Amino acid sequence: MNFETARKNMVDGQLAPNKITDIRLLKAFLDVPREAFVDVSLKNVAYTDETLEIGQGRKMMKPMIAASIIQEMDIQPEDKVLVCASGSGYMAAVIAKLTPSVYAIEPSAGLWEMSRRAMGDAKCKTVKMEKGDYAQGLQGEAPFDKILINAPVATVPEKVLSQLKNGGTIVYMKEGEALDGLCDVVLCTKKGRKLEEKHVMQTAGDTIDAEASTPFTF
């Protein structure tokens, strides 16, 4: 299989026609080999418009959903970004094409090791990866301009929120907001100790499983 062609077809057929207009982001999806971030048995379907199992009962979201979320984050080259529950590392690797300051934290030892290998295969050398409880964030690297919680949560963990710069933004999947099988993706801006919420999109729960098999609560 020609993965380069498959990658281009994904961008041209899935992302560009679905309001992904950020040229830097489209190029990032062209540059990151998605097949490196899935099990070897799934490499030939890595670019399909569907969720994919990545092990440990976890999933990788559809490319279009991942692209929509990253586009909403409006990541700039000077931003310092934290990805919580980074899974196999694909979204962190894409974000690393937009800024050199990306940190990822993953609680599963198996997925952390998988992401470490995938980053090497993808020649992505700038993501700083940590294994640990992502509800604790990475205090030693704070503060962050942007944070992605890559798993459904009832509320933003207090320690993670404390590591976001005032005026910074955080994106998460809001657990408990399902309506008719749909779920909210929310972007928040930090205003002091409060978050100003903005609805980003509503999408089927299976497409925003956010690389987690069950919701995380804190």
C-alpha atoms as a PDB file:
ATOM      1  CA  MET A   1       0.000   0.000   0.000  1.00  0.00           C
ATOM      2  CA  ASN A   2       1.236   3.489  -0.847  1.00  0.00           C
ATOM      3  CA  PHE A   3       0.769   5.331   2.438  1.00  0.00           C
ATOM      4  CA  GLU A   4       1.778   8.698   0.993  1.00  0.00           C
ATOM      5  CA  THR A   5      -1.050   8.455  -1.551  1.00  0.00           C
ATOM      6  CA  ALA A   6      -3.476   7.288   1.146  1.00  0.00           C
ATOM      7  CA  ARG A   7      -2.474  10.260   3.303  1.00  0.00           C
ATOM      8  CA  LYS A   8      -3.109  12.692   0.459  1.00  0.00           C
ATOM      9  CA  ASN A   9      -6.463  11.065  -0.276  1.00  0.00           C
ATOM     10  CA  MET A  10      -7.415  11.462   3.388  1.00  0.00           C
ATOM     11  CA  VAL A  11      -6.629  15.162   3.325  1.00  0.00           C
ATOM     12  CA  ASP A  12      -8.267  15.779  -0.057  1.00  0.00           C
ATOM     13  CA  GLY A  13     -11.292  13.550   0.499  1.00  0.00           C
ATOM     14  CA  GLN A  14     -12.014  13.817   4.242  1.00  0.00           C
ATOM     15  CA  LEU A  15     -10.478  16.984   5.672  1.00  0.00           C
ATOM     16  CA  ALA A  16     -10.534  19.683   2.999  1.00  0.00           C
ATOM     17  CA  PRO A  17     -14.210  19.109   2.030  1.00  0.00           C
ATOM     18  CA  ASN A  18     -15.275  19.285   5.702  1.00  0.00           C
ATOM     19  CA  LYS A  19     -14.294  22.853   6.600  1.00  0.00           C
ATOM     20  CA  ILE A  20     -10.690  22.145   7.521  1.00  0.00           C
ATOM     21  CA  THR A  21      -9.292  25.333   6.017  1.00  0.00           C
ATOM     22  CA  ASP A  22      -6.086  25.921   7.977  1.00  0.00           C
ATOM     23  CA  ILE A  23      -3.330  25.323   5.416  1.00  0.00           C
ATOM     24  CA  ARG A  24      -0.730  24.673   8.130  1.00  0.00           C
ATOM     25  CA  LEU A  25      -2.973  22.025   9.639  1.00  0.00           C
ATOM     26  CA  LEU A  26      -3.668  20.326   6.317  1.00  0.00           C
ATOM     27  CA  LYS A  27       0.071  20.163   5.690  1.00  0.00           C
ATOM     28  CA  ALA A  28       0.576  18.707   9.180  1.00  0.00           C
ATOM     29  CA  PHE A  29      -1.850  15.888   8.399  1.00  0.00           C
ATOM     30  CA  LEU A  30       0.016  15.306   5.131  1.00  0.00           C
ATOM     31  CA  ASP A  31       3.340  15.118   6.956  1.00  0.00           C
ATOM     32  CA  VAL A  32       2.450  12.813   9.881  1.00  0.00           C
ATOM     33  CA  PRO A  33       2.322   9.097   8.973  1.00  0.00           C
ATOM     34  CA  ARG A  34      -0.902   7.983  10.670  1.00  0.00           C
ATOM     35  CA  GLU A  35      -0.040   4.343  10.011  1.00  0.00           C
ATOM     36  CA  ALA A  36       2.823   4.631  12.522  1.00  0.00           C
ATOM     37  CA  PHE A  37       0.348   5.251  15.351  1.00  0.00           C
ATOM     38  CA  VAL A  38      -1.802   2.124  14.944  1.00  0.00           C
ATOM     39  CA  ASP A  39      -1.148  -1.580  15.392  1.00  0.00           C
ATOM     40  CA  VAL A  40       0.613  -3.243  12.476  1.00  0.00           C
ATOM     41  CA  SER A  41      -2.578  -5.176  11.691  1.00  0.00           C
ATOM     42  CA  LEU A  42      -4.418  -1.890  11.035  1.00  0.00           C
ATOM     43  CA  LYS A  43      -1.832  -0.029   8.962  1.00  0.00           C
ATOM     44  CA  ASN A  44      -3.693  -0.647   5.704  1.00  0.00           C
ATOM     45  CA  VAL A  45      -6.866   0.968   7.106  1.00  0.00           C
ATOM     46  CA  ALA A  46      -5.142   3.800   8.972  1.00  0.00           C
ATOM     47  CA  TYR A  47      -6.545   6.438   6.606  1.00  0.00           C
ATOM     48  CA  THR A  48     -10.164   5.315   6.523  1.00  0.00           C
ATOM     49  CA  ASP A  49     -12.960   7.522   7.861  1.00  0.00           C
ATOM     50  CA  GLU A  50     -13.518   5.484  11.014  1.00  0.00           C
ATOM     51  CA  THR A  51     -12.332   5.022  14.581  1.00  0.00           C
ATOM     52  CA  LEU A  52      -9.519   2.524  15.079  1.00  0.00           C
ATOM     53  CA  GLU A  53      -8.573   0.360  18.044  1.00  0.00           C
ATOM     54  CA  ILE A  54      -5.147   1.192  19.450  1.00  0.00           C
ATOM     55  CA  GLY A  55      -5.077  -1.350  22.277  1.00  0.00           C
ATOM     56  CA  GLN A  56      -5.822  -1.270  26.006  1.00  0.00           C
ATOM     57  CA  GLY A  57      -9.513  -0.945  25.056  1.00  0.00           C
ATOM     58  CA  ARG A  58      -8.787   2.493  23.597  1.00  0.00           C
ATOM     59  CA  LYS A  59      -9.530   4.046  20.207  1.00  0.00           C
ATOM     60  CA  MET A  60      -8.147   6.634  17.796  1.00  0.00           C
ATOM     61  CA  MET A  61     -10.769   9.095  16.604  1.00  0.00           C
ATOM     62  CA  LYS A  62     -11.649   9.695  12.962  1.00  0.00           C
ATOM     63  CA  PRO A  63      -9.216  11.960  11.073  1.00  0.00           C
ATOM     64  CA  MET A  64     -11.861  14.599  10.359  1.00  0.00           C
ATOM     65  CA  ILE A  65     -12.885  14.864  14.016  1.00  0.00           C
ATOM     66  CA  ALA A  66      -9.265  15.092  15.129  1.00  0.00           C
ATOM     67  CA  ALA A  67      -8.610  17.808  12.544  1.00  0.00           C
ATOM     68  CA  SER A  68     -11.702  19.784  13.550  1.00  0.00           C
ATOM     69  CA  ILE A  69     -10.661  19.774  17.207  1.00  0.00           C
ATOM     70  CA  ILE A  70      -7.081  20.845  16.484  1.00  0.00           C
ATOM     71  CA  GLN A  71      -8.281  23.586  14.127  1.00  0.00           C
ATOM     72  CA  GLU A  72     -10.515  24.978  16.872  1.00  0.00           C
ATOM     73  CA  MET A  73      -7.503  25.168  19.184  1.00  0.00           C
ATOM     74  CA  ASP A  74      -5.943  27.728  16.798  1.00  0.00           C
ATOM     75  CA  ILE A  75      -2.402  26.675  17.683  1.00  0.00           C
ATOM     76  CA  GLN A  76       0.300  29.230  16.933  1.00  0.00           C
ATOM     77  CA  PRO A  77       4.061  28.594  16.553  1.00  0.00           C
ATOM     78  CA  GLU A  78       4.812  30.271  19.882  1.00  0.00           C
ATOM     79  CA  ASP A  79       2.217  28.250  21.843  1.00  0.00           C
ATOM     80  CA  LYS A  80       3.148  25.726  24.522  1.00  0.00           C
ATOM     81  CA  VAL A  81       0.677  22.827  24.332  1.00  0.00           C
ATOM     82  CA  LEU A  82      -0.215  19.971  26.673  1.00  0.00           C
ATOM     83  CA  VAL A  83      -2.043  16.862  25.416  1.00  0.00           C
ATOM     84  CA  CYS A  84      -3.617  14.888  28.279  1.00  0.00           C
ATOM     85  CA  ALA A  85      -4.435  11.195  27.667  1.00  0.00           C
ATOM     86  CA  SER A  86      -2.355  11.209  24.502  1.00  0.00           C
ATOM     87  CA  GLY A  87      -3.060   7.564  23.584  1.00  0.00           C
ATOM     88  CA  SER A  88      -0.854   6.378  20.733  1.00  0.00           C
ATOM     89  CA  GLY A  89       0.370   9.953  20.239  1.00  0.00           C
ATOM     90  CA  TYR A  90      -1.125  10.799  16.840  1.00  0.00           C
ATOM     91  CA  MET A  91      -2.776  14.096  17.771  1.00  0.00           C
ATOM     92  CA  ALA A  92       0.304  15.213  19.698  1.00  0.00           C
ATOM     93  CA  ALA A  93       2.434  14.463  16.634  1.00  0.00           C
ATOM     94  CA  VAL A  94       0.141  16.520  14.388  1.00  0.00           C
ATOM     95  CA  ILE A  95       0.158  19.419  16.869  1.00  0.00           C
ATOM     96  CA  ALA A  96       3.973  19.235  16.931  1.00  0.00           C
ATOM     97  CA  LYS A  97       3.933  20.285  13.271  1.00  0.00           C
ATOM     98  CA  LEU A  98       2.267  23.535  14.361  1.00  0.00           C
ATOM     99  CA  THR A  99       4.464  24.376  17.356  1.00  0.00           C
ATOM    100  CA  PRO A 100       7.760  22.944  18.663  1.00  0.00           C
ATOM    101  CA  SER A 101       6.594  23.034  22.299  1.00  0.00           C
ATOM    102  CA  VAL A 102       4.319  20.014  22.792  1.00  0.00           C
ATOM    103  CA  TYR A 103       4.018  17.881  25.925  1.00  0.00           C
ATOM    104  CA  ALA A 104       2.026  14.648  26.156  1.00  0.00           C
ATOM    105  CA  ILE A 105       1.003  12.616  29.193  1.00  0.00           C
ATOM    106  CA  GLU A 106      -0.495   9.118  29.035  1.00  0.00           C
ATOM    107  CA  PRO A 107      -1.452   6.854  31.983  1.00  0.00           C
ATOM    108  CA  SER A 108      -1.217   3.506  30.152  1.00  0.00           C
ATOM    109  CA  ALA A 109       2.290   2.059  30.142  1.00  0.00           C
ATOM    110  CA  GLY A 110       1.463   0.049  27.007  1.00  0.00           C
ATOM    111  CA  LEU A 111       0.194   3.037  25.063  1.00  0.00           C
ATOM    112  CA  TRP A 112       3.013   5.236  26.318  1.00  0.00           C
ATOM    113  CA  GLU A 113       5.510   2.721  24.951  1.00  0.00           C
ATOM    114  CA  MET A 114       3.523   2.468  21.709  1.00  0.00           C
ATOM    115  CA  SER A 115       3.559   6.258  21.324  1.00  0.00           C
ATOM    116  CA  ARG A 116       7.284   6.391  22.050  1.00  0.00           C
ATOM    117  CA  ARG A 117       7.963   3.925  19.234  1.00  0.00           C
ATOM    118  CA  ALA A 118       5.504   5.663  16.907  1.00  0.00           C
ATOM    119  CA  MET A 119       7.150   9.043  17.450  1.00  0.00           C
ATOM    120  CA  GLY A 120      10.463   7.464  16.480  1.00  0.00           C
ATOM    121  CA  ASP A 121       9.005   5.856  13.369  1.00  0.00           C
ATOM    122  CA  ALA A 122       7.374   9.158  12.415  1.00  0.00           C
ATOM    123  CA  LYS A 123      10.639  11.033  13.044  1.00  0.00           C
ATOM    124  CA  CYS A 124       8.791  13.290  15.462  1.00  0.00           C
ATOM    125  CA  LYS A 125      11.502  14.382  17.873  1.00  0.00           C
ATOM    126  CA  THR A 126       9.997  17.431  19.562  1.00  0.00           C
ATOM    127  CA  VAL A 127       7.115  15.938  21.605  1.00  0.00           C
ATOM    128  CA  LYS A 128       8.091  15.534  25.254  1.00  0.00           C
ATOM    129  CA  MET A 129       6.282  12.411  26.493  1.00  0.00           C
ATOM    130  CA  GLU A 130       5.510  11.498  30.090  1.00  0.00           C
ATOM    131  CA  LYS A 131       3.803   8.459  31.591  1.00  0.00           C
ATOM    132  CA  GLY A 132       1.473   9.284  34.470  1.00  0.00           C
ATOM    133  CA  ASP A 133      -1.915  10.431  35.726  1.00  0.00           C
ATOM    134  CA  TYR A 134      -2.965  13.087  33.264  1.00  0.00           C
ATOM    135  CA  ALA A 135      -5.451  14.545  35.757  1.00  0.00           C
ATOM    136  CA  GLN A 136      -2.349  15.895  37.473  1.00  0.00           C
ATOM    137  CA  GLY A 137      -1.090  17.559  34.307  1.00  0.00           C
ATOM    138  CA  LEU A 138       2.612  18.447  34.136  1.00  0.00           C
ATOM    139  CA  GLN A 139       3.212  21.034  36.820  1.00  0.00           C
ATOM    140  CA  GLY A 140       6.940  21.153  36.162  1.00  0.00           C
ATOM    141  CA  GLU A 141       6.346  22.360  32.587  1.00  0.00           C
ATOM    142  CA  ALA A 142       3.429  24.730  33.271  1.00  0.00           C
ATOM    143  CA  PRO A 143       2.006  27.125  32.318  1.00  0.00           C
ATOM    144  CA  PHE A 144       0.538  26.126  28.944  1.00  0.00           C
ATOM    145  CA  ASP A 145      -1.129  28.264  26.274  1.00  0.00           C
ATOM    146  CA  LYS A 146      -3.327  25.430  25.010  1.00  0.00           C
ATOM    147  CA  ILE A 147      -4.436  22.129  26.542  1.00  0.00           C
ATOM    148  CA  LEU A 148      -6.261  19.229  24.916  1.00  0.00           C
ATOM    149  CA  ILE A 149      -7.934  16.684  27.193  1.00  0.00           C
ATOM    150  CA  ASN A 150      -8.111  13.761  24.818  1.00  0.00           C
ATOM    151  CA  ALA A 151     -10.789  11.874  26.786  1.00  0.00           C
ATOM    152  CA  PRO A 152     -14.361  12.462  27.979  1.00  0.00           C
ATOM    153  CA  VAL A 153     -14.472  14.179  31.386  1.00  0.00           C
ATOM    154  CA  ALA A 154     -17.268  15.488  33.582  1.00  0.00           C
ATOM    155  CA  THR A 155     -15.289  18.625  34.454  1.00  0.00           C
ATOM    156  CA  VAL A 156     -11.823  19.944  33.754  1.00  0.00           C
ATOM    157  CA  PRO A 157      -9.472  18.605  36.468  1.00  0.00           C
ATOM    158  CA  GLU A 158      -8.513  21.432  38.827  1.00  0.00           C
ATOM    159  CA  LYS A 159      -4.790  20.725  38.612  1.00  0.00           C
ATOM    160  CA  VAL A 160      -4.899  20.783  34.817  1.00  0.00           C
ATOM    161  CA  LEU A 161      -6.844  24.044  34.857  1.00  0.00           C
ATOM    162  CA  SER A 162      -4.296  25.594  37.214  1.00  0.00           C
ATOM    163  CA  GLN A 163      -1.579  24.883  34.630  1.00  0.00           C
ATOM    164  CA  LEU A 164      -3.365  26.828  31.863  1.00  0.00           C
ATOM    165  CA  LYS A 165      -2.287  30.422  31.325  1.00  0.00           C
ATOM    166  CA  ASN A 166      -4.852  33.103  31.997  1.00  0.00           C
ATOM    167  CA  GLY A 167      -6.397  33.781  28.607  1.00  0.00           C
ATOM    168  CA  GLY A 168      -5.361  30.318  27.399  1.00  0.00           C
ATOM    169  CA  THR A 169      -7.731  27.743  25.942  1.00  0.00           C
ATOM    170  CA  ILE A 170      -8.567  24.160  26.775  1.00  0.00           C
ATOM    171  CA  VAL A 171     -10.604  21.694  24.682  1.00  0.00           C
ATOM    172  CA  TYR A 172     -12.352  18.646  26.107  1.00  0.00           C
ATOM    173  CA  MET A 173     -15.186  16.210  25.456  1.00  0.00           C
ATOM    174  CA  LYS A 174     -17.980  16.826  27.935  1.00  0.00           C
ATOM    175  CA  GLU A 175     -19.118  13.615  29.573  1.00  0.00           C
ATOM    176  CA  GLY A 176     -22.784  13.527  30.541  1.00  0.00           C
ATOM    177  CA  GLU A 177     -23.887  15.908  27.789  1.00  0.00           C
ATOM    178  CA  ALA A 178     -25.102  13.240  25.371  1.00  0.00           C
ATOM    179  CA  LEU A 179     -28.335  13.992  23.547  1.00  0.00           C
ATOM    180  CA  ASP A 180     -29.771  11.415  21.145  1.00  0.00           C
ATOM    181  CA  GLY A 181     -26.414   9.679  21.014  1.00  0.00           C
ATOM    182  CA  LEU A 182     -24.498  12.929  20.422  1.00  0.00           C
ATOM    183  CA  CYS A 183     -21.833  14.487  22.628  1.00  0.00           C
ATOM    184  CA  ASP A 184     -20.456  18.013  23.008  1.00  0.00           C
ATOM    185  CA  VAL A 185     -16.905  19.061  22.259  1.00  0.00           C
ATOM    186  CA  VAL A 186     -16.217  22.197  24.286  1.00  0.00           C
ATOM    187  CA  LEU A 187     -13.555  24.900  23.987  1.00  0.00           C
ATOM    188  CA  CYS A 188     -12.966  26.963  27.106  1.00  0.00           C
ATOM    189  CA  THR A 189     -11.046  30.169  27.673  1.00  0.00           C
ATOM    190  CA  LYS A 190      -9.568  30.720  31.112  1.00  0.00           C
ATOM    191  CA  LYS A 191     -10.654  33.927  32.793  1.00  0.00           C
ATOM    192  CA  GLY A 192      -9.067  33.956  36.214  1.00  0.00           C
ATOM    193  CA  ARG A 193     -10.506  30.976  38.093  1.00  0.00           C
ATOM    194  CA  LYS A 194     -13.390  30.570  35.653  1.00  0.00           C
ATOM    195  CA  LEU A 195     -13.809  29.028  32.229  1.00  0.00           C
ATOM    196  CA  GLU A 196     -15.836  30.648  29.463  1.00  0.00           C
ATOM    197  CA  GLU A 197     -17.294  27.763  27.490  1.00  0.00           C
ATOM    198  CA  LYS A 198     -17.928  27.687  23.764  1.00  0.00           C
ATOM    199  CA  HIS A 199     -19.693  24.808  22.037  1.00  0.00           C
ATOM    200  CA  VAL A 200     -17.434  23.587  19.228  1.00  0.00           C
ATOM    201  CA  MET A 201     -19.325  20.693  17.709  1.00  0.00           C
ATOM    202  CA  GLN A 202     -21.729  17.910  18.476  1.00  0.00           C
ATOM    203  CA  THR A 203     -20.756  14.539  17.204  1.00  0.00           C
ATOM    204  CA  ALA A 204     -21.538  10.872  17.673  1.00  0.00           C
ATOM    205  CA  GLY A 205     -20.045   9.380  20.788  1.00  0.00           C
ATOM    206  CA  ASP A 206     -18.179   6.674  18.904  1.00  0.00           C
ATOM    207  CA  THR A 207     -16.349   9.275  16.819  1.00  0.00           C
ATOM    208  CA  ILE A 208     -15.152  11.299  19.775  1.00  0.00           C
ATOM    209  CA  ASP A 209     -14.280   8.371  21.969  1.00  0.00           C
ATOM    210  CA  ALA A 210     -11.084  10.387  22.210  1.00  0.00           C
ATOM    211  CA  GLU A 211      -8.869   7.330  22.448  1.00  0.00           C
ATOM    212  CA  ALA A 212     -10.605   6.149  25.619  1.00  0.00           C
ATOM    213  CA  SER A 213     -12.921   3.196  26.034  1.00  0.00           C
ATOM    214  CA  THR A 214     -14.759   4.601  29.054  1.00  0.00           C
ATOM    215  CA  PRO A 215     -15.251   8.151  30.359  1.00  0.00           C
ATOM    216  CA  PHE A 216     -12.759   9.516  32.847  1.00  0.00           C
ATOM    217  CA  THR A 217     -14.087  11.427  35.859  1.00  0.00           C
ATOM    218  CA  PHE A 218     -12.206  13.379  38.485  1.00  0.00           C
END
